[in-house]
Amino acid sequence: MLKRAPVDSRYLSEDSIQKIPVGTELVIMGQKPKADKILELPIDDSHFKFSLKDLEFNGFSEDWYVYVEHAGVQILG
């Protein structure tokens, strides 16, 4: 589940939530990984903050959040 704020989803309105099926892969934008392939993502209250590449949900592509325990990040390329 993607969220517009780093809070429990039960406190957000329906237009601030985007349900995503388990196993869905999304391309996110961010800084290039460091030489040792470490990718730094901002974390706010146990949520990754990110922007989507070439995709919008509810009219937004930037500033989405996902709970760190519910997401995995893989570096491609």
PDB file of N, CA and C in Angstrom:
ATOM      1  N   MET A   1       0.834  -1.164   0.000  1.00  0.00           N
ATOM      2  CA  MET A   1       0.000   0.000   0.000  1.00  0.00           C
ATOM      3  C   MET A   1       0.887   1.239   0.000  1.00  0.00           C
ATOM      4  N   LEU A   2       0.627   2.127  -0.942  1.00  0.00           N
ATOM      5  CA  LEU A   2       1.332   3.402  -0.992  1.00  0.00           C
ATOM      6  C   LEU A   2       0.481   4.446  -0.290  1.00  0.00           C
ATOM      7  N   LYS A   3       1.151   5.375   0.374  1.00  0.00           N
ATOM      8  CA  LYS A   3       0.427   6.382   1.147  1.00  0.00           C
ATOM      9  C   LYS A   3       1.013   7.759   0.876  1.00  0.00           C
ATOM     10  N   ARG A   4       0.194   8.780   1.034  1.00  0.00           N
ATOM     11  CA  ARG A   4       0.634  10.154   0.827  1.00  0.00           C
ATOM     12  C   ARG A   4       1.271  10.750   2.076  1.00  0.00           C
ATOM     13  N   ALA A   5       1.218  10.041   3.194  1.00  0.00           N
ATOM     14  CA  ALA A   5       1.818  10.509   4.441  1.00  0.00           C
ATOM     15  C   ALA A   5       2.325   9.292   5.215  1.00  0.00           C
ATOM     16  N   PRO A   6       3.373   9.473   6.033  1.00  0.00           N
ATOM     17  CA  PRO A   6       3.963   8.350   6.766  1.00  0.00           C
ATOM     18  C   PRO A   6       3.227   8.031   8.067  1.00  0.00           C
ATOM     19  N   VAL A   7       1.951   7.695   7.922  1.00  0.00           N
ATOM     20  CA  VAL A   7       1.131   7.367   9.089  1.00  0.00           C
ATOM     21  C   VAL A   7       0.357   6.084   8.810  1.00  0.00           C
ATOM     22  N   ASP A   8      -0.227   5.510   9.841  1.00  0.00           N
ATOM     23  CA  ASP A   8      -1.052   4.314   9.680  1.00  0.00           C
ATOM     24  C   ASP A   8      -2.180   4.624   8.700  1.00  0.00           C
ATOM     25  N   SER A   9      -2.417   3.727   7.767  1.00  0.00           N
ATOM     26  CA  SER A   9      -3.385   3.969   6.691  1.00  0.00           C
ATOM     27  C   SER A   9      -4.810   4.195   7.193  1.00  0.00           C
ATOM     28  N   ARG A  10      -5.138   3.706   8.366  1.00  0.00           N
ATOM     29  CA  ARG A  10      -6.514   3.910   8.857  1.00  0.00           C
ATOM     30  C   ARG A  10      -6.797   5.373   9.186  1.00  0.00           C
ATOM     31  N   TYR A  11      -5.740   6.201   9.240  1.00  0.00           N
ATOM     32  CA  TYR A  11      -5.921   7.622   9.515  1.00  0.00           C
ATOM     33  C   TYR A  11      -5.905   8.467   8.245  1.00  0.00           C
ATOM     34  N   LEU A  12      -5.813   7.817   7.092  1.00  0.00           N
ATOM     35  CA  LEU A  12      -5.759   8.538   5.821  1.00  0.00           C
ATOM     36  C   LEU A  12      -7.063   8.379   5.053  1.00  0.00           C
ATOM     37  N   SER A  13      -7.385   9.379   4.252  1.00  0.00           N
ATOM     38  CA  SER A  13      -8.567   9.295   3.394  1.00  0.00           C
ATOM     39  C   SER A  13      -8.273   8.365   2.221  1.00  0.00           C
ATOM     40  N   GLU A  14      -9.321   7.892   1.572  1.00  0.00           N
ATOM     41  CA  GLU A  14      -9.172   6.966   0.440  1.00  0.00           C
ATOM     42  C   GLU A  14      -8.314   7.550  -0.681  1.00  0.00           C
ATOM     43  N   ASP A  15      -8.386   8.874  -0.912  1.00  0.00           N
ATOM     44  CA  ASP A  15      -7.593   9.467  -1.990  1.00  0.00           C
ATOM     45  C   ASP A  15      -6.133   9.659  -1.594  1.00  0.00           C
ATOM     46  N   SER A  16      -5.777   9.330  -0.352  1.00  0.00           N
ATOM     47  CA  SER A  16      -4.387   9.398   0.111  1.00  0.00           C
ATOM     48  C   SER A  16      -3.735   8.026   0.175  1.00  0.00           C
ATOM     49  N   ILE A  17      -4.425   7.016  -0.351  1.00  0.00           N
ATOM     50  CA  ILE A  17      -3.950   5.633  -0.316  1.00  0.00           C
ATOM     51  C   ILE A  17      -4.038   5.036  -1.718  1.00  0.00           C
ATOM     52  N   GLN A  18      -3.041   4.245  -2.078  1.00  0.00           N
ATOM     53  CA  GLN A  18      -3.106   3.481  -3.320  1.00  0.00           C
ATOM     54  C   GLN A  18      -2.773   2.037  -2.985  1.00  0.00           C
ATOM     55  N   LYS A  19      -3.760   1.160  -3.113  1.00  0.00           N
ATOM     56  CA  LYS A  19      -3.515  -0.258  -2.850  1.00  0.00           C
ATOM     57  C   LYS A  19      -2.778  -0.859  -4.039  1.00  0.00           C
ATOM     58  N   ILE A  20      -1.766  -1.656  -3.737  1.00  0.00           N
ATOM     59  CA  ILE A  20      -0.915  -2.285  -4.739  1.00  0.00           C
ATOM     60  C   ILE A  20      -0.899  -3.787  -4.458  1.00  0.00           C
ATOM     61  N   PRO A  21      -1.160  -4.624  -5.462  1.00  0.00           N
ATOM     62  CA  PRO A  21      -1.112  -6.073  -5.223  1.00  0.00           C
ATOM     63  C   PRO A  21       0.284  -6.531  -4.772  1.00  0.00           C
ATOM     64  N   VAL A  22       0.316  -7.511  -3.894  1.00  0.00           N
ATOM     65  CA  VAL A  22       1.580  -8.086  -3.429  1.00  0.00           C
ATOM     66  C   VAL A  22       2.376  -8.566  -4.637  1.00  0.00           C
ATOM     67  N   GLY A  23       3.661  -8.271  -4.651  1.00  0.00           N
ATOM     68  CA  GLY A  23       4.533  -8.701  -5.738  1.00  0.00           C
ATOM     69  C   GLY A  23       4.659  -7.705  -6.871  1.00  0.00           C
ATOM     70  N   THR A  24       3.901  -6.618  -6.826  1.00  0.00           N
ATOM     71  CA  THR A  24       3.983  -5.594  -7.868  1.00  0.00           C
ATOM     72  C   THR A  24       5.338  -4.905  -7.802  1.00  0.00           C
ATOM     73  N   GLU A  25       5.946  -4.699  -8.956  1.00  0.00           N
ATOM     74  CA  GLU A  25       7.219  -3.989  -9.030  1.00  0.00           C
ATOM     75  C   GLU A  25       6.976  -2.611  -9.614  1.00  0.00           C
ATOM     76  N   LEU A  26       7.488  -1.589  -8.936  1.00  0.00           N
ATOM     77  CA  LEU A  26       7.373  -0.210  -9.383  1.00  0.00           C
ATOM     78  C   LEU A  26       8.767   0.365  -9.563  1.00  0.00           C
ATOM     79  N   VAL A  27       8.926   1.244 -10.532  1.00  0.00           N
ATOM     80  CA  VAL A  27      10.204   1.927 -10.742  1.00  0.00           C
ATOM     81  C   VAL A  27      10.127   3.262 -10.011  1.00  0.00           C
ATOM     82  N   ILE A  28      11.097   3.491  -9.133  1.00  0.00           N
ATOM     83  CA  ILE A  28      11.122   4.740  -8.381  1.00  0.00           C
ATOM     84  C   ILE A  28      12.314   5.576  -8.813  1.00  0.00           C
ATOM     85  N   MET A  29      12.203   6.864  -8.585  1.00  0.00           N
ATOM     86  CA  MET A  29      13.297   7.773  -8.907  1.00  0.00           C
ATOM     87  C   MET A  29      14.078   8.056  -7.633  1.00  0.00           C
ATOM     88  N   GLY A  30      15.349   8.296  -7.806  1.00  0.00           N
ATOM     89  CA  GLY A  30      16.183   8.612  -6.662  1.00  0.00           C
ATOM     90  C   GLY A  30      17.591   8.898  -7.125  1.00  0.00           C
ATOM     91  N   GLN A  31      18.444   9.110  -6.165  1.00  0.00           N
ATOM     92  CA  GLN A  31      19.844   9.338  -6.481  1.00  0.00           C
ATOM     93  C   GLN A  31      20.469   8.035  -6.940  1.00  0.00           C
ATOM     94  N   LYS A  32      21.540   8.150  -7.699  1.00  0.00           N
ATOM     95  CA  LYS A  32      22.259   6.952  -8.128  1.00  0.00           C
ATOM     96  C   LYS A  32      22.849   6.252  -6.914  1.00  0.00           C
ATOM     97  N   PRO A  33      22.891   4.924  -6.950  1.00  0.00           N
ATOM     98  CA  PRO A  33      23.544   4.196  -5.853  1.00  0.00           C
ATOM     99  C   PRO A  33      25.016   4.579  -5.765  1.00  0.00           C
ATOM    100  N   LYS A  34      25.562   4.481  -4.581  1.00  0.00           N
ATOM    101  CA  LYS A  34      26.984   4.747  -4.390  1.00  0.00           C
ATOM    102  C   LYS A  34      27.791   3.645  -5.056  1.00  0.00           C
ATOM    103  N   ALA A  35      29.098   3.812  -5.106  1.00  0.00           N
ATOM    104  CA  ALA A  35      29.980   2.852  -5.772  1.00  0.00           C
ATOM    105  C   ALA A  35      29.806   1.436  -5.218  1.00  0.00           C
ATOM    106  N   ASP A  36      29.484   1.329  -3.945  1.00  0.00           N
ATOM    107  CA  ASP A  36      29.311   0.008  -3.333  1.00  0.00           C
ATOM    108  C   ASP A  36      27.870  -0.499  -3.461  1.00  0.00           C
ATOM    109  N   LYS A  37      27.111   0.098  -4.391  1.00  0.00           N
ATOM    110  CA  LYS A  37      25.714  -0.270  -4.691  1.00  0.00           C
ATOM    111  C   LYS A  37      24.778  -0.093  -3.501  1.00  0.00           C
ATOM    112  N   ILE A  38      25.089   0.859  -2.645  1.00  0.00           N
ATOM    113  CA  ILE A  38      24.193   1.196  -1.547  1.00  0.00           C
ATOM    114  C   ILE A  38      23.297   2.334  -2.005  1.00  0.00           C
ATOM    115  N   LEU A  39      22.006   2.122  -1.880  1.00  0.00           N
ATOM    116  CA  LEU A  39      21.018   3.117  -2.267  1.00  0.00           C
ATOM    117  C   LEU A  39      20.459   3.759  -1.008  1.00  0.00           C
ATOM    118  N   GLU A  40      20.458   5.071  -0.990  1.00  0.00           N
ATOM    119  CA  GLU A  40      19.914   5.777   0.163  1.00  0.00           C
ATOM    120  C   GLU A  40      18.529   6.313  -0.178  1.00  0.00           C
ATOM    121  N   LEU A  41      17.552   5.937   0.613  1.00  0.00           N
ATOM    122  CA  LEU A  41      16.194   6.461   0.489  1.00  0.00           C
ATOM    123  C   LEU A  41      15.843   7.166   1.791  1.00  0.00           C
ATOM    124  N   PRO A  42      15.157   8.298   1.690  1.00  0.00           N
ATOM    125  CA  PRO A  42      14.731   8.960   2.927  1.00  0.00           C
ATOM    126  C   PRO A  42      13.751   8.072   3.693  1.00  0.00           C
ATOM    127  N   ILE A  43      13.890   8.054   5.009  1.00  0.00           N
ATOM    128  CA  ILE A  43      12.969   7.307   5.863  1.00  0.00           C
ATOM    129  C   ILE A  43      12.350   8.291   6.849  1.00  0.00           C
ATOM    130  N   ASP A  44      11.033   8.269   6.928  1.00  0.00           N
ATOM    131  CA  ASP A  44      10.290   9.148   7.820  1.00  0.00           C
ATOM    132  C   ASP A  44       9.321   8.288   8.626  1.00  0.00           C
ATOM    133  N   ASP A  45       9.531   8.213   9.920  1.00  0.00           N
ATOM    134  CA  ASP A  45       8.659   7.445  10.812  1.00  0.00           C
ATOM    135  C   ASP A  45       8.435   6.018  10.305  1.00  0.00           C
ATOM    136  N   SER A  46       9.537   5.336   9.992  1.00  0.00           N
ATOM    137  CA  SER A  46       9.535   3.937   9.520  1.00  0.00           C
ATOM    138  C   SER A  46       8.884   3.739   8.156  1.00  0.00           C
ATOM    139  N   HIS A  47       8.870   4.765   7.342  1.00  0.00           N
ATOM    140  CA  HIS A  47       8.335   4.701   5.982  1.00  0.00           C
ATOM    141  C   HIS A  47       9.383   5.207   4.991  1.00  0.00           C
ATOM    142  N   PHE A  48       9.583   4.453   3.879  1.00  0.00           N
ATOM    143  CA  PHE A  48      10.402   4.961   2.784  1.00  0.00           C
ATOM    144  C   PHE A  48       9.623   6.067   2.092  1.00  0.00           C
ATOM    145  N   LYS A  49      10.316   7.140   1.732  1.00  0.00           N
ATOM    146  CA  LYS A  49       9.715   8.211   0.929  1.00  0.00           C
ATOM    147  C   LYS A  49      10.331   8.127  -0.459  1.00  0.00           C
ATOM    148  N   PHE A  50       9.489   8.201  -1.497  1.00  0.00           N
ATOM    149  CA  PHE A  50       9.999   8.050  -2.854  1.00  0.00           C
ATOM    150  C   PHE A  50       9.060   8.707  -3.854  1.00  0.00           C
ATOM    151  N   SER A  51       9.548   8.820  -5.086  1.00  0.00           N
ATOM    152  CA  SER A  51       8.747   9.295  -6.213  1.00  0.00           C
ATOM    153  C   SER A  51       8.733   8.209  -7.273  1.00  0.00           C
ATOM    154  N   LEU A  52       7.614   8.088  -7.954  1.00  0.00           N
ATOM    155  CA  LEU A  52       7.453   7.078  -9.000  1.00  0.00           C
ATOM    156  C   LEU A  52       7.962   7.598 -10.331  1.00  0.00           C
ATOM    157  N   LYS A  53       8.538   6.711 -11.123  1.00  0.00           N
ATOM    158  CA  LYS A  53       9.016   7.087 -12.453  1.00  0.00           C
ATOM    159  C   LYS A  53       7.954   6.707 -13.482  1.00  0.00           C
ATOM    160  N   ASP A  54       7.525   7.694 -14.265  1.00  0.00           N
ATOM    161  CA  ASP A  54       6.586   7.480 -15.377  1.00  0.00           C
ATOM    162  C   ASP A  54       5.272   6.837 -14.946  1.00  0.00           C
ATOM    163  N   LEU A  55       4.810   7.128 -13.740  1.00  0.00           N
ATOM    164  CA  LEU A  55       3.563   6.543 -13.254  1.00  0.00           C
ATOM    165  C   LEU A  55       2.956   7.463 -12.201  1.00  0.00           C
ATOM    166  N   GLU A  56       1.649   7.632 -12.266  1.00  0.00           N
ATOM    167  CA  GLU A  56       0.934   8.429 -11.270  1.00  0.00           C
ATOM    168  C   GLU A  56      -0.196   7.607 -10.670  1.00  0.00           C
ATOM    169  N   PHE A  57      -0.460   7.847  -9.399  1.00  0.00           N
ATOM    170  CA  PHE A  57      -1.635   7.311  -8.729  1.00  0.00           C
ATOM    171  C   PHE A  57      -2.361   8.494  -8.110  1.00  0.00           C
ATOM    172  N   ASN A  58      -3.653   8.558  -8.292  1.00  0.00           N
ATOM    173  CA  ASN A  58      -4.463   9.650  -7.742  1.00  0.00           C
ATOM    174  C   ASN A  58      -3.913  11.020  -8.134  1.00  0.00           C
ATOM    175  N   GLY A  59      -3.287  11.100  -9.317  1.00  0.00           N
ATOM    176  CA  GLY A  59      -2.746  12.362  -9.806  1.00  0.00           C
ATOM    177  C   GLY A  59      -1.377  12.722  -9.269  1.00  0.00           C
ATOM    178  N   PHE A  60      -0.748  11.829  -8.522  1.00  0.00           N
ATOM    179  CA  PHE A  60       0.554  12.122  -7.920  1.00  0.00           C
ATOM    180  C   PHE A  60       1.595  11.090  -8.335  1.00  0.00           C
ATOM    181  N   SER A  61       2.805  11.564  -8.605  1.00  0.00           N
ATOM    182  CA  SER A  61       3.934  10.667  -8.840  1.00  0.00           C
ATOM    183  C   SER A  61       5.008  10.875  -7.773  1.00  0.00           C
ATOM    184  N   GLU A  62       4.995  12.040  -7.134  1.00  0.00           N
ATOM    185  CA  GLU A  62       6.024  12.381  -6.153  1.00  0.00           C
ATOM    186  C   GLU A  62       5.509  12.253  -4.720  1.00  0.00           C
ATOM    187  N   ASP A  63       6.471  12.061  -3.828  1.00  0.00           N
ATOM    188  CA  ASP A  63       6.214  12.061  -2.387  1.00  0.00           C
ATOM    189  C   ASP A  63       5.212  11.008  -1.925  1.00  0.00           C
ATOM    190  N   TRP A  64       5.494   9.770  -2.266  1.00  0.00           N
ATOM    191  CA  TRP A  64       4.731   8.633  -1.760  1.00  0.00           C
ATOM    192  C   TRP A  64       5.513   7.993  -0.620  1.00  0.00           C
ATOM    193  N   TYR A  65       4.818   7.255   0.221  1.00  0.00           N
ATOM    194  CA  TYR A  65       5.436   6.556   1.347  1.00  0.00           C
ATOM    195  C   TYR A  65       4.982   5.102   1.362  1.00  0.00           C
ATOM    196  N   VAL A  66       5.862   4.240   1.840  1.00  0.00           N
ATOM    197  CA  VAL A  66       5.510   2.841   2.073  1.00  0.00           C
ATOM    198  C   VAL A  66       6.224   2.407   3.358  1.00  0.00           C
ATOM    199  N   TYR A  67       5.517   1.653   4.179  1.00  0.00           N
ATOM    200  CA  TYR A  67       6.082   1.159   5.433  1.00  0.00           C
ATOM    201  C   TYR A  67       7.263   0.249   5.113  1.00  0.00           C
ATOM    202  N   VAL A  68       8.397   0.456   5.770  1.00  0.00           N
ATOM    203  CA  VAL A  68       9.622  -0.269   5.426  1.00  0.00           C
ATOM    204  C   VAL A  68       9.479  -1.785   5.544  1.00  0.00           C
ATOM    205  N   GLU A  69       8.635  -2.266   6.443  1.00  0.00           N
ATOM    206  CA  GLU A  69       8.448  -3.709   6.603  1.00  0.00           C
ATOM    207  C   GLU A  69       7.587  -4.315   5.493  1.00  0.00           C
ATOM    208  N   HIS A  70       6.970  -3.468   4.670  1.00  0.00           N
ATOM    209  CA  HIS A  70       6.083  -3.947   3.609  1.00  0.00           C
ATOM    210  C   HIS A  70       6.670  -3.767   2.215  1.00  0.00           C
ATOM    211  N   ALA A  71       7.943  -3.399   2.122  1.00  0.00           N
ATOM    212  CA  ALA A  71       8.541  -3.133   0.811  1.00  0.00           C
ATOM    213  C   ALA A  71       9.945  -3.706   0.729  1.00  0.00           C
ATOM    214  N   GLY A  72      10.336  -4.017  -0.475  1.00  0.00           N
ATOM    215  CA  GLY A  72      11.705  -4.421  -0.759  1.00  0.00           C
ATOM    216  C   GLY A  72      12.221  -3.549  -1.886  1.00  0.00           C
ATOM    217  N   VAL A  73      13.493  -3.248  -1.867  1.00  0.00           N
ATOM    218  CA  VAL A  73      14.087  -2.397  -2.896  1.00  0.00           C
ATOM    219  C   VAL A  73      15.200  -3.174  -3.573  1.00  0.00           C
ATOM    220  N   GLN A  74      15.187  -3.170  -4.889  1.00  0.00           N
ATOM    221  CA  GLN A  74      16.207  -3.861  -5.672  1.00  0.00           C
ATOM    222  C   GLN A  74      16.799  -2.864  -6.655  1.00  0.00           C
ATOM    223  N   ILE A  75      18.118  -2.837  -6.750  1.00  0.00           N
ATOM    224  CA  ILE A  75      18.801  -1.958  -7.698  1.00  0.00           C
ATOM    225  C   ILE A  75      18.928  -2.693  -9.022  1.00  0.00           C
ATOM    226  N   LEU A  76      18.437  -2.071 -10.084  1.00  0.00           N
ATOM    227  CA  LEU A  76      18.527  -2.656 -11.423  1.00  0.00           C
ATOM    228  C   LEU A  76      19.590  -1.922 -12.227  1.00  0.00           C
ATOM    229  N   GLY A  77      20.255  -2.642 -13.086  1.00  0.00           N
ATOM    230  CA  GLY A  77      21.203  -1.996 -13.995  1.00  0.00           C
ATOM    231  C   GLY A  77      22.610  -2.015 -13.558  1.00  0.00           C
TER     232      GLY A  77
END
